[in-house]
Amino acid sequence: MQTLKIGTRKIGTRGSPLALAQAHETRVRLMKAHGLPEQAFEVVPISTSGDRIQDRPLSEAGGKGLFTKEIEEALLDGRIDIAVHSSKDMPTVLPDGLELSTFLPREDARDAFIGKGVKRIADLPHGAKVGSSSLRRQALIRRMRPDFEVVMFRGNVQTRLRKLDEGIAEGTILAYAGLKRLGLEGVITDLMPLEDFPPAPGQGAIGIETRVGDSDIENMLAAIHHAPTGQALACERAFLAALDGSCRTPIAGHAKVSGGKLSFAGLIISPDGTEWHDVRLEGKAADAAEIGADAARTVRARAGEKFFDGWL
């Protein structure tokens, strides 16, 4: 077991219930790995721009970086030692001096449907309202049921569930992993198949951002890093980066790692759900980033550059 230097380590996170649950999971894993008490790690909630902006889609407000900017500033100036994130919320380009270095074992990456009065999304009536703030989910919903009216749902998980109870929509789709971490599995009425409703790159994985070259922190985190999840995320994030992916682009991607082999499935889809192109590649897990980048080049070539005109 690596012996840590004395001193409380500060874990930065957003202040939402889900973000705090992820930070506390990280703390528990660190405590167990190093045989340290709870007070050795302090969870530091940080309010972000993304949390404060609730009146419009993130794609119109500035994208994924709105959930990380203030946390990364605290990491760079030393107010926190590590930052815990939902990997799917992380931009592909990080500030100079920071890296996404550690991943916890991935949860189930599927999306979950929560219906009001119905079990499955297919059971909703013609013209039903379905709430989502994710452009990927909106596009996939429209591909599945063009008759649906997709309404914008912003806010944390509890806020979105409340909106459903208030009748703003008849169904919504959220990440299964987030509901599970919050102990809210009971609200789920159906799980969306990966093949028909592929997840966002990074979905279900907790990522830990650190300062480049901070050897003490690297040693601390090595004990909780899950290498197969790291390889899967390297592939998915390379796919996203090669497509210039952000909150403004409906992109899905999911990699599985087993026995040193990696299989990847990716998809790009127009916001209205009428046109899509997918790709599947396999290879060595050690070549994860190359596989992701190759998949992006392949799907971009199939789609043609005009596919992205007007919505990237």
Protein backbone atom coordinates (compact mmCIF):
# COMPACT_ATOMS: atom_id res chain seq x y z
CA MET A 1 0.00 0.00 0.00
CA GLN A 2 1.31 3.45 -0.94
CA THR A 3 1.95 5.64 2.12
CA LEU A 4 0.40 9.08 1.66
CA LYS A 5 1.89 12.28 2.98
CA ILE A 6 0.07 13.76 5.97
CA GLY A 7 -2.57 16.39 5.21
CA THR A 8 -6.22 16.60 4.22
CA ARG A 9 -6.79 16.17 0.51
CA LYS A 10 -9.53 18.33 -0.98
CA ILE A 11 -11.93 16.80 -3.49
CA GLY A 12 -13.63 19.40 -5.71
CA THR A 13 -17.06 18.74 -7.18
CA ARG A 14 -20.26 20.38 -8.34
CA GLY A 15 -22.86 20.78 -5.63
CA SER A 16 -25.71 18.75 -7.13
CA PRO A 17 -26.84 15.62 -5.27
CA LEU A 18 -25.44 13.38 -8.04
CA ALA A 19 -22.09 15.19 -8.15
CA LEU A 20 -21.79 14.96 -4.36
CA ALA A 21 -22.65 11.24 -4.48
CA GLN A 22 -19.83 10.73 -7.00
CA ALA A 23 -17.38 12.70 -4.87
CA HIS A 24 -18.31 10.71 -1.78
CA GLU A 25 -17.86 7.45 -3.72
CA THR A 26 -14.39 8.63 -4.67
CA ARG A 27 -13.60 9.47 -1.05
CA VAL A 28 -14.79 6.07 0.18
CA ARG A 29 -12.62 4.28 -2.39
CA LEU A 30 -9.59 6.36 -1.39
CA MET A 31 -10.21 5.71 2.31
CA LYS A 32 -10.44 1.96 1.70
CA ALA A 33 -7.43 1.85 -0.62
CA HIS A 34 -5.16 3.72 1.79
CA GLY A 35 -6.62 2.76 5.16
CA LEU A 36 -7.38 6.38 6.03
CA PRO A 37 -10.22 7.98 8.02
CA GLU A 38 -12.95 10.10 6.49
CA GLN A 39 -11.38 13.33 7.70
CA ALA A 40 -8.33 12.68 5.49
CA PHE A 41 -10.44 13.76 2.51
CA GLU A 42 -12.63 16.87 2.38
CA VAL A 43 -15.37 17.18 -0.24
CA VAL A 44 -15.50 20.79 -1.51
CA PRO A 45 -18.70 21.72 -3.42
CA ILE A 46 -18.18 24.40 -6.08
CA SER A 47 -20.98 26.24 -7.89
CA THR A 48 -20.50 26.26 -11.67
CA SER A 49 -21.95 28.38 -14.45
CA GLY A 50 -23.74 25.32 -15.81
CA ASP A 51 -25.56 24.87 -12.51
CA ARG A 52 -26.69 28.49 -12.45
CA ILE A 53 -27.94 28.69 -16.05
CA GLN A 54 -31.35 27.00 -16.13
CA ASP A 55 -33.33 29.02 -18.68
CA ARG A 56 -31.80 27.73 -21.92
CA PRO A 57 -29.99 24.70 -23.37
CA LEU A 58 -26.25 24.43 -22.64
CA SER A 59 -25.66 24.31 -26.39
CA GLU A 60 -26.81 27.94 -26.51
CA ALA A 61 -24.99 29.02 -23.35
CA GLY A 62 -21.50 27.74 -24.04
CA GLY A 63 -21.38 23.94 -23.93
CA LYS A 64 -19.88 21.41 -21.57
CA GLY A 65 -17.19 23.69 -20.17
CA LEU A 66 -19.84 25.51 -18.14
CA PHE A 67 -19.87 22.55 -15.73
CA THR A 68 -16.11 22.52 -15.23
CA LYS A 69 -14.69 26.05 -15.50
CA GLU A 70 -14.88 27.11 -11.85
CA ILE A 71 -13.79 23.68 -10.61
CA GLU A 72 -10.77 23.69 -12.91
CA GLU A 73 -9.82 27.18 -11.75
CA ALA A 74 -9.83 25.89 -8.16
CA LEU A 75 -7.70 22.92 -9.19
CA LEU A 76 -5.16 25.08 -11.00
CA ASP A 77 -4.73 27.53 -8.12
CA GLY A 78 -4.47 24.80 -5.47
CA ARG A 79 -7.75 25.31 -3.61
CA ILE A 80 -8.56 21.65 -4.33
CA ASP A 81 -6.31 18.65 -4.99
CA ILE A 82 -8.51 16.64 -7.37
CA ALA A 83 -11.75 17.28 -9.24
CA VAL A 84 -14.43 14.61 -9.61
CA HIS A 85 -16.61 14.77 -12.72
CA SER A 86 -19.21 12.90 -14.73
CA SER A 87 -16.98 11.96 -17.66
CA LYS A 88 -19.70 12.68 -20.22
CA ASP A 89 -19.70 16.33 -19.07
CA MET A 90 -15.99 16.81 -19.77
CA PRO A 91 -14.82 18.80 -22.82
CA THR A 92 -12.32 16.96 -24.99
CA VAL A 93 -9.82 19.82 -24.64
CA LEU A 94 -8.77 20.58 -21.06
CA PRO A 95 -6.99 23.68 -19.74
CA ASP A 96 -3.18 23.65 -19.92
CA GLY A 97 -1.73 21.90 -16.90
CA LEU A 98 -4.72 19.61 -16.26
CA GLU A 99 -5.51 16.04 -17.28
CA LEU A 100 -8.28 13.50 -16.84
CA SER A 101 -6.03 10.91 -15.25
CA THR A 102 -8.18 8.48 -13.28
CA PHE A 103 -11.44 6.61 -13.77
CA LEU A 104 -13.51 4.58 -11.34
CA PRO A 105 -15.12 1.33 -12.51
CA ARG A 106 -17.86 2.21 -14.95
CA GLU A 107 -21.53 1.86 -14.10
CA ASP A 108 -24.14 0.66 -16.60
CA ALA A 109 -23.97 3.13 -19.52
CA ARG A 110 -27.57 2.74 -20.68
CA ASP A 111 -30.21 5.44 -20.62
CA ALA A 112 -33.34 4.94 -18.54
CA PHE A 113 -36.90 5.87 -19.48
CA ILE A 114 -39.23 7.23 -16.81
CA GLY A 115 -42.81 7.24 -17.98
CA LYS A 116 -45.83 8.86 -16.40
CA GLY A 117 -48.61 6.29 -16.62
CA VAL A 118 -46.74 4.13 -19.16
CA LYS A 119 -43.86 1.69 -18.86
CA ARG A 120 -42.10 2.00 -22.22
CA ILE A 121 -41.45 4.96 -24.47
CA ALA A 122 -43.19 3.04 -27.26
CA ASP A 123 -46.36 3.02 -25.14
CA LEU A 124 -46.70 6.82 -25.15
CA PRO A 125 -49.58 8.16 -27.27
CA HIS A 126 -49.15 9.94 -30.59
CA GLY A 127 -47.86 13.48 -30.11
CA ALA A 128 -46.78 12.92 -26.51
CA LYS A 129 -44.34 15.32 -24.86
CA VAL A 130 -40.95 13.87 -23.86
CA GLY A 131 -38.52 15.98 -21.86
CA SER A 132 -34.76 16.11 -22.40
CA SER A 133 -32.01 18.74 -22.51
CA SER A 134 -29.53 16.46 -24.31
CA LEU A 135 -29.28 16.99 -28.07
CA ARG A 136 -28.26 13.34 -28.47
CA ARG A 137 -31.31 12.08 -26.59
CA GLN A 138 -33.59 14.54 -28.41
CA ALA A 139 -32.33 13.34 -31.79
CA LEU A 140 -32.65 9.66 -30.85
CA ILE A 141 -36.17 10.24 -29.52
CA ARG A 142 -37.14 11.91 -32.80
CA ARG A 143 -35.58 9.03 -34.77
CA MET A 144 -37.60 6.55 -32.75
CA ARG A 145 -40.89 8.51 -32.75
CA PRO A 146 -41.04 11.53 -35.09
CA ASP A 147 -44.52 12.31 -33.78
CA PHE A 148 -43.29 13.16 -30.28
CA GLU A 149 -42.93 16.74 -29.10
CA VAL A 150 -39.53 17.01 -27.43
CA VAL A 151 -39.47 19.64 -24.68
CA MET A 152 -36.37 21.07 -23.01
CA PHE A 153 -35.68 19.72 -19.49
CA ARG A 154 -32.85 21.44 -17.58
CA GLY A 155 -31.80 21.02 -13.96
CA ASN A 156 -30.47 18.21 -11.80
CA VAL A 157 -32.06 14.77 -11.65
CA GLN A 158 -34.51 15.70 -8.89
CA THR A 159 -35.61 18.84 -10.76
CA ARG A 160 -36.28 16.86 -13.92
CA LEU A 161 -38.31 14.26 -12.04
CA ARG A 162 -40.34 17.03 -10.43
CA LYS A 163 -41.08 18.52 -13.86
CA LEU A 164 -42.36 15.11 -14.93
CA ASP A 165 -44.63 14.96 -11.88
CA GLU A 166 -45.91 18.45 -12.70
CA GLY A 167 -47.06 17.24 -16.11
CA ILE A 168 -44.64 19.28 -18.22
CA ALA A 169 -43.95 16.04 -20.10
CA GLU A 170 -45.29 12.48 -20.16
CA GLY A 171 -41.87 10.88 -20.11
CA THR A 172 -38.18 11.65 -19.81
CA ILE A 173 -34.86 9.89 -20.33
CA LEU A 174 -31.97 10.06 -17.86
CA ALA A 175 -28.71 8.19 -17.38
CA TYR A 176 -29.27 4.92 -15.55
CA ALA A 177 -25.92 5.31 -13.76
CA GLY A 178 -26.92 8.62 -12.20
CA LEU A 179 -30.26 7.32 -10.97
CA LYS A 180 -28.55 4.26 -9.51
CA ARG A 181 -25.94 6.34 -7.67
CA LEU A 182 -28.75 8.43 -6.17
CA GLY A 183 -30.73 5.38 -5.09
CA LEU A 184 -33.54 6.31 -7.48
CA GLU A 185 -33.69 3.10 -9.52
CA GLY A 186 -37.30 2.70 -8.41
CA VAL A 187 -38.49 5.54 -10.68
CA ILE A 188 -37.22 3.77 -13.82
CA THR A 189 -39.94 2.21 -15.94
CA ASP A 190 -37.71 0.85 -18.73
CA LEU A 191 -34.06 0.68 -19.83
CA MET A 192 -33.12 1.73 -23.35
CA PRO A 193 -31.11 -0.86 -25.34
CA LEU A 194 -27.57 0.23 -26.21
CA GLU A 195 -28.09 -0.77 -29.83
CA ASP A 196 -31.18 1.40 -30.38
CA PHE A 197 -30.37 4.22 -27.98
CA PRO A 198 -26.57 4.49 -27.72
CA PRO A 199 -25.14 6.53 -24.83
CA ALA A 200 -23.01 9.65 -24.80
CA PRO A 201 -19.24 9.12 -24.79
CA GLY A 202 -18.17 8.78 -21.16
CA GLN A 203 -21.67 8.04 -19.84
CA GLY A 204 -21.67 6.09 -16.58
CA ALA A 205 -17.99 6.74 -15.79
CA ILE A 206 -16.68 8.92 -12.97
CA GLY A 207 -13.52 10.73 -14.08
CA ILE A 208 -10.95 12.43 -11.86
CA GLU A 209 -9.09 15.50 -13.12
CA THR A 210 -5.66 16.35 -11.72
CA ARG A 211 -2.73 18.70 -12.19
CA VAL A 212 -0.15 17.38 -14.68
CA GLY A 213 3.02 16.27 -12.90
CA ASP A 214 1.56 16.15 -9.38
CA SER A 215 3.29 12.92 -8.36
CA ASP A 216 1.82 12.76 -4.84
CA ILE A 217 -1.71 12.89 -6.22
CA GLU A 218 -0.84 10.44 -9.01
CA ASN A 219 0.39 7.95 -6.40
CA MET A 220 -2.73 8.45 -4.32
CA LEU A 221 -5.10 7.86 -7.22
CA ALA A 222 -3.24 4.91 -8.77
CA ALA A 223 -4.83 2.62 -6.18
CA ILE A 224 -8.38 3.36 -7.37
CA HIS A 225 -7.87 3.72 -11.12
CA HIS A 226 -9.77 1.17 -13.23
CA ALA A 227 -7.66 0.55 -16.32
CA PRO A 228 -10.37 -1.01 -18.57
CA THR A 229 -12.64 2.00 -17.98
CA GLY A 230 -9.71 4.29 -18.74
CA GLN A 231 -9.12 2.49 -22.05
CA ALA A 232 -12.81 2.62 -22.98
CA LEU A 233 -12.92 6.34 -22.24
CA ALA A 234 -9.73 6.99 -24.20
CA CYS A 235 -11.47 5.50 -27.24
CA GLU A 236 -14.75 7.34 -26.74
CA ARG A 237 -13.12 10.70 -26.05
CA ALA A 238 -10.86 10.32 -29.10
CA PHE A 239 -13.97 9.66 -31.21
CA LEU A 240 -15.63 12.77 -29.78
CA ALA A 241 -12.52 14.92 -30.19
CA ALA A 242 -12.00 13.93 -33.82
CA LEU A 243 -15.59 14.96 -34.55
CA ASP A 244 -15.21 18.25 -32.65
CA GLY A 245 -17.96 17.01 -30.35
CA SER A 246 -19.60 19.20 -27.74
CA CYS A 247 -23.04 19.86 -26.29
CA ARG A 248 -23.93 21.26 -29.72
CA THR A 249 -23.45 17.94 -31.51
CA PRO A 250 -25.63 14.80 -31.24
CA ILE A 251 -22.92 12.12 -30.97
CA ALA A 252 -23.05 8.72 -29.30
CA GLY A 253 -20.20 6.34 -28.57
CA HIS A 254 -19.60 3.32 -26.37
CA ALA A 255 -16.55 1.09 -25.99
CA LYS A 256 -16.28 -2.26 -24.23
CA VAL A 257 -12.98 -3.73 -23.04
CA SER A 258 -12.45 -7.41 -22.28
CA GLY A 259 -9.38 -9.61 -22.32
CA GLY A 260 -7.19 -6.93 -23.83
CA LYS A 261 -9.61 -6.39 -26.72
CA LEU A 262 -11.77 -3.33 -27.36
CA SER A 263 -14.98 -3.06 -29.35
CA PHE A 264 -16.45 0.33 -30.17
CA ALA A 265 -19.79 1.48 -31.57
CA GLY A 266 -20.31 5.12 -32.54
CA LEU A 267 -23.05 7.17 -34.13
CA ILE A 268 -23.63 10.67 -35.43
CA ILE A 269 -27.18 11.86 -35.98
CA SER A 270 -28.84 15.03 -37.22
CA PRO A 271 -30.70 17.01 -34.54
CA ASP A 272 -34.05 16.23 -36.16
CA GLY A 273 -33.29 12.51 -36.10
CA THR A 274 -33.85 12.00 -39.82
CA GLU A 275 -30.29 11.11 -40.84
CA TRP A 276 -27.64 9.11 -39.03
CA HIS A 277 -24.44 7.20 -39.66
CA ASP A 278 -22.90 4.58 -37.43
CA VAL A 279 -19.60 2.75 -37.18
CA ARG A 280 -18.23 -0.32 -35.40
CA LEU A 281 -14.56 -1.11 -34.93
CA GLU A 282 -12.53 -3.57 -32.90
CA GLY A 283 -8.89 -3.82 -31.92
CA LYS A 284 -6.40 -4.02 -29.10
CA ALA A 285 -7.36 -2.15 -25.96
CA ALA A 286 -3.86 -0.67 -25.90
CA ASP A 287 -4.76 1.13 -29.16
CA ALA A 288 -7.96 2.64 -27.70
CA ALA A 289 -7.38 6.25 -28.74
CA GLU A 290 -6.38 5.24 -32.28
CA ILE A 291 -9.52 3.12 -32.64
CA GLY A 292 -11.69 6.04 -31.56
CA ALA A 293 -10.01 8.44 -33.97
CA ASP A 294 -10.24 5.91 -36.82
CA ALA A 295 -13.94 5.42 -36.09
CA ALA A 296 -14.50 9.18 -36.30
CA ARG A 297 -12.71 9.42 -39.65
CA THR A 298 -14.74 6.49 -40.96
CA VAL A 299 -18.13 7.85 -39.94
CA ARG A 300 -17.25 11.36 -41.12
CA ALA A 301 -16.30 9.99 -44.54
CA ARG A 302 -19.58 8.07 -44.74
CA ALA A 303 -21.63 11.10 -43.79
CA GLY A 304 -19.80 13.66 -45.89
CA GLU A 305 -18.89 17.15 -44.71
CA LYS A 306 -22.31 18.56 -45.67
CA PHE A 307 -23.87 16.40 -42.95
CA PHE A 308 -22.51 18.80 -40.33
CA ASP A 309 -23.42 22.03 -42.11
CA GLY A 310 -25.61 24.34 -40.06
CA TRP A 311 -25.52 22.51 -36.76
CA LEU A 312 -21.91 22.04 -35.63
